[in-house]
């Protein structure tokens, strides 16, 4: 004969509630937080730019790589003769592009590369201080500064950019992520012109390490070719870097 055990109604009700709660399972971590954007979704308009637009410690150019990486990039660059200048025009590289708040690429670089830069209502630099990497000259007048294309537009054209579309040439001419744009004295920029490193080197030799890494990185990023003398001089510049 089976003995029956009576369970008080209050205890039975409490047990039933605990069982139902257990069936629901534990809450997922962060379930009370709004979901973030889906992977790969575009950043919302007005979001801060991705890292890479500011120089790293010890360098004055953004997007710089280590000497070891630069050597690897240099070894991988395709060697080819100097290309033709047929069809070239600076106008085929749209610059300076607008970057928002009335500022174009030139003004963005002037502020990035300067100290205590003040702008007017039109985003023009009206005061500040700059030190030119190429010649070590200190400048306090923005009008005496040029924005140099590390790999000049004409050099880009004859080493591969002649085959690009307009959008890629515009990106090359306004690149704020790679070490392609730099505020330097007008005198040093115009002395350089569109010459490659085998034909022109920064007069301040302490700049050679950064110059060689920057030139190599830009050519690597855009798949541009180098000549044999150019490649040899880039290797010489990289040899000036501290080990």
Protein backbone atom coordinates (compact mmCIF):
# COMPACT_ATOMS: atom_id res chain seq x y z
CA UNK A 1 0.00 0.00 0.00
CA UNK A 2 1.44 3.34 -1.10
CA UNK A 3 1.42 6.09 1.47
CA UNK A 4 0.29 9.47 0.07
CA UNK A 5 2.07 12.65 1.11
CA UNK A 6 0.06 15.82 1.11
CA UNK A 7 1.88 18.99 -0.01
CA UNK A 8 0.49 22.31 1.23
CA UNK A 9 -1.00 24.40 -1.59
CA UNK A 10 1.30 27.41 -0.93
CA UNK A 11 4.44 25.27 -1.26
CA UNK A 12 3.14 23.67 -4.45
CA UNK A 13 2.44 27.07 -6.03
CA UNK A 14 5.91 28.38 -5.18
CA UNK A 15 7.53 25.28 -6.67
CA UNK A 16 5.55 25.70 -9.89
CA UNK A 17 6.66 29.33 -10.28
CA UNK A 18 10.33 28.41 -9.83
CA UNK A 19 10.04 25.69 -12.46
CA UNK A 20 8.52 28.08 -15.02
CA UNK A 21 11.23 30.66 -14.38
CA UNK A 22 13.90 28.05 -14.95
CA UNK A 23 12.42 27.11 -18.34
CA UNK A 24 12.95 30.65 -19.60
CA UNK A 25 16.74 30.30 -19.16
CA UNK A 26 19.19 33.00 -18.01
CA UNK A 27 19.06 36.40 -19.68
CA UNK A 28 21.63 36.89 -22.45
CA UNK A 29 24.55 39.21 -21.57
CA UNK A 30 23.71 42.73 -22.65
CA UNK A 31 20.17 41.80 -23.56
CA UNK A 32 18.96 45.06 -22.04
CA UNK A 33 21.29 47.09 -24.30
CA UNK A 34 20.38 48.33 -27.79
CA UNK A 35 21.93 46.32 -30.58
CA UNK A 36 24.97 47.83 -32.29
CA UNK A 37 25.40 48.22 -36.04
CA UNK A 38 25.64 45.08 -38.09
CA UNK A 39 29.16 43.91 -38.92
CA UNK A 40 30.47 45.74 -41.95
CA UNK A 41 27.89 48.52 -41.68
CA UNK A 42 29.04 52.00 -42.63
CA UNK A 43 29.90 54.44 -39.88
CA UNK A 44 27.17 57.04 -39.33
CA UNK A 45 27.59 60.42 -41.00
CA UNK A 46 29.74 62.67 -38.84
CA UNK A 47 31.51 59.81 -37.05
CA UNK A 48 35.22 60.37 -36.31
CA UNK A 49 37.60 59.04 -38.96
CA UNK A 50 39.29 55.69 -38.52
CA UNK A 51 42.78 55.70 -36.93
CA UNK A 52 45.61 56.42 -39.34
CA UNK A 53 45.14 60.13 -39.96
CA UNK A 54 47.60 61.20 -37.30
CA UNK A 55 51.39 60.78 -37.17
CA UNK A 56 52.80 58.11 -34.88
CA UNK A 57 55.28 58.98 -32.15
CA UNK A 58 58.64 60.06 -33.55
CA UNK A 59 57.27 60.60 -37.06
CA UNK A 60 55.73 63.70 -38.60
CA UNK A 61 53.79 61.78 -41.24
CA UNK A 62 50.67 59.64 -40.70
CA UNK A 63 50.43 55.99 -41.66
CA UNK A 64 54.15 55.28 -41.29
CA UNK A 65 55.46 51.72 -41.07
CA UNK A 66 58.52 50.28 -39.38
CA UNK A 67 61.83 49.99 -41.19
CA UNK A 68 61.40 46.22 -41.42
CA UNK A 69 57.98 46.58 -43.05
CA UNK A 70 59.31 49.24 -45.43
CA UNK A 71 62.13 46.92 -46.51
CA UNK A 72 59.57 44.19 -47.23
CA UNK A 73 57.43 46.63 -49.20
CA UNK A 74 60.45 47.86 -51.16
CA UNK A 75 61.49 44.34 -52.10
CA UNK A 76 57.99 43.68 -53.44
CA UNK A 77 57.72 46.80 -55.61
CA UNK A 78 57.74 46.11 -59.34
CA UNK A 79 60.73 47.57 -61.17
CA UNK A 80 59.92 49.18 -64.52
CA UNK A 81 61.30 51.93 -66.79
CA UNK A 82 60.02 55.48 -66.36
CA UNK A 83 56.60 55.74 -67.98
CA UNK A 84 55.41 58.31 -70.46
CA UNK A 85 54.05 61.73 -69.49
CA UNK A 86 51.67 61.69 -72.46
CA UNK A 87 48.24 62.94 -71.42
CA UNK A 88 49.39 64.17 -68.01
CA UNK A 89 47.84 67.24 -66.38
CA UNK A 90 47.66 68.18 -62.68
CA UNK A 91 43.98 68.88 -63.30
CA UNK A 92 43.46 65.15 -63.76
CA UNK A 93 44.18 64.76 -60.02
CA UNK A 94 41.39 66.66 -58.27
CA UNK A 95 42.88 68.66 -55.38
CA UNK A 96 42.38 70.10 -52.93
CA UNK A 97 39.19 68.23 -52.02
CA UNK A 98 36.73 69.59 -49.48
CA UNK A 99 36.97 67.90 -46.07
CA UNK A 100 34.01 69.56 -44.35
CA UNK A 101 33.52 72.74 -42.28
CA UNK A 102 34.78 74.84 -45.24
CA UNK A 103 38.19 73.12 -44.94
CA UNK A 104 39.99 71.59 -47.88
CA UNK A 105 42.82 69.07 -47.75
CA UNK A 106 45.51 71.75 -47.67
CA UNK A 107 44.07 73.38 -44.56
CA UNK A 108 43.62 70.02 -42.83
CA UNK A 109 47.30 69.17 -43.37
CA UNK A 110 48.45 72.62 -42.26
CA UNK A 111 46.62 72.18 -38.97
CA UNK A 112 47.76 68.58 -38.53
CA UNK A 113 51.42 69.36 -39.14
CA UNK A 114 51.53 72.66 -37.26
CA UNK A 115 51.48 73.82 -33.66
CA UNK A 116 48.92 76.26 -32.21
CA UNK A 117 47.34 76.74 -35.63
CA UNK A 118 44.51 79.27 -35.69
CA UNK A 119 42.01 79.48 -38.56
CA UNK A 120 39.72 82.21 -39.81
CA UNK A 121 36.03 81.81 -40.62
CA UNK A 122 36.96 80.38 -44.03
CA UNK A 123 39.25 77.73 -42.46
CA UNK A 124 42.44 79.46 -43.66
CA UNK A 125 45.41 79.19 -41.30
CA UNK A 126 46.17 82.71 -40.03
CA UNK A 127 48.78 81.83 -37.42
CA UNK A 128 50.77 78.89 -36.16
CA UNK A 129 54.22 77.33 -36.25
CA UNK A 130 55.62 74.66 -38.53
CA UNK A 131 58.92 72.84 -38.90
CA UNK A 132 59.70 71.64 -42.40
CA UNK A 133 60.93 68.04 -42.48
CA UNK A 134 62.97 68.41 -45.66
CA UNK A 135 65.20 71.31 -44.62
CA UNK A 136 64.58 71.70 -40.87
CA UNK A 137 63.40 75.31 -41.33
CA UNK A 138 60.98 76.76 -38.74
CA UNK A 139 58.13 78.83 -40.20
CA UNK A 140 55.40 80.96 -38.62
CA UNK A 141 53.73 82.16 -41.85
CA UNK A 142 51.37 79.62 -43.46
CA UNK A 143 51.81 81.35 -46.82
CA UNK A 144 55.41 80.14 -46.85
CA UNK A 145 54.34 76.51 -46.52
CA UNK A 146 53.43 74.16 -49.34
CA UNK A 147 51.61 70.85 -49.04
CA UNK A 148 53.91 68.38 -50.75
CA UNK A 149 52.75 65.15 -52.35
CA UNK A 150 55.36 62.71 -51.09
CA UNK A 151 55.04 60.84 -54.40
CA UNK A 152 54.41 63.75 -56.79
CA UNK A 153 51.37 63.62 -59.04
CA UNK A 154 53.53 63.55 -62.17
CA UNK A 155 55.69 60.76 -60.70
CA UNK A 156 52.53 58.85 -59.87
CA UNK A 157 51.34 59.30 -63.46
CA UNK A 158 54.46 57.86 -65.03
CA UNK A 159 54.61 54.94 -62.60
CA UNK A 160 51.04 53.70 -62.94
CA UNK A 161 48.45 56.41 -62.25
CA UNK A 162 47.98 57.10 -65.97
CA UNK A 163 45.77 54.01 -66.03
CA UNK A 164 43.61 54.96 -63.03
CA UNK A 165 40.12 56.39 -63.06
CA UNK A 166 39.35 59.89 -61.80
CA UNK A 167 38.20 58.70 -58.36
CA UNK A 168 41.48 56.89 -57.63
CA UNK A 169 43.55 59.87 -58.77
CA UNK A 170 41.50 62.15 -56.50
CA UNK A 171 42.09 59.78 -53.56
CA UNK A 172 45.83 59.76 -54.29
CA UNK A 173 45.98 63.56 -54.41
CA UNK A 174 44.09 63.99 -51.12
CA UNK A 175 45.25 60.99 -49.11
CA UNK A 176 45.23 61.80 -45.39
CA UNK A 177 45.69 58.21 -44.17
CA UNK A 178 48.95 57.25 -45.86
CA UNK A 179 52.20 59.30 -45.60
CA UNK A 180 51.44 61.08 -48.88
CA UNK A 181 50.87 64.69 -47.77
CA UNK A 182 53.21 66.89 -45.74
CA UNK A 183 53.53 70.58 -44.95
CA UNK A 184 57.04 71.74 -45.94
CA UNK A 185 58.66 75.02 -46.95
CA UNK A 186 57.69 76.24 -50.38
CA UNK A 187 61.39 76.46 -51.25
CA UNK A 188 62.09 72.79 -50.49
CA UNK A 189 58.92 71.61 -52.22
CA UNK A 190 59.71 73.51 -55.40
CA UNK A 191 63.30 72.30 -55.32
CA UNK A 192 61.98 68.74 -55.25
CA UNK A 193 59.47 69.27 -58.04
CA UNK A 194 58.33 65.92 -59.43
CA UNK A 195 61.68 64.17 -59.00
CA UNK A 196 62.11 60.65 -57.62
CA UNK A 197 64.50 59.91 -54.70
CA UNK A 198 67.43 59.05 -56.99
CA UNK A 199 67.23 62.58 -58.41
CA UNK A 200 66.31 64.57 -55.30
CA UNK A 201 66.81 63.93 -51.59
CA UNK A 202 65.84 66.12 -48.61
CA UNK A 203 68.79 68.44 -47.89
CA UNK A 204 68.41 67.61 -44.18
CA UNK A 205 69.79 64.05 -44.13
CA UNK A 206 68.08 63.34 -40.81
CA UNK A 207 64.84 63.28 -42.82
CA UNK A 208 65.97 60.45 -45.09
CA UNK A 209 64.66 57.63 -42.89
CA UNK A 210 61.13 59.05 -42.83
CA UNK A 211 61.30 60.06 -46.49
CA UNK A 212 62.37 56.59 -47.64
CA UNK A 213 59.73 54.83 -45.54
CA UNK A 214 57.00 57.22 -46.63
CA UNK A 215 57.81 57.05 -50.36
CA UNK A 216 58.01 53.26 -50.25
CA UNK A 217 54.74 52.94 -48.32
CA UNK A 218 52.81 55.18 -50.73
CA UNK A 219 54.11 53.38 -53.81
CA UNK A 220 53.27 50.05 -52.18
CA UNK A 221 49.76 51.17 -51.16
CA UNK A 222 48.92 52.30 -54.69
CA UNK A 223 50.73 49.56 -56.61
CA UNK A 224 53.07 52.00 -58.36
CA UNK A 225 56.32 50.93 -59.98
CA UNK A 226 59.88 52.05 -59.25
CA UNK A 227 62.97 52.35 -61.40
CA UNK A 228 66.17 50.52 -60.50
CA UNK A 229 68.03 53.73 -59.45
CA UNK A 230 64.99 54.84 -57.43
CA UNK A 231 64.84 51.50 -55.61
CA UNK A 232 68.56 51.63 -54.86
CA UNK A 233 68.31 55.13 -53.35
CA UNK A 234 65.27 54.12 -51.26
CA UNK A 235 67.35 51.26 -49.82
CA UNK A 236 70.11 53.77 -49.02
CA UNK A 237 67.59 55.99 -47.24
CA UNK A 238 66.25 53.06 -45.20
CA UNK A 239 69.84 52.27 -44.19
CA UNK A 240 69.97 55.64 -42.39
CA UNK A 241 67.24 54.51 -39.96
CA UNK A 242 68.33 53.61 -36.45
CA UNK A 243 68.33 49.86 -35.95
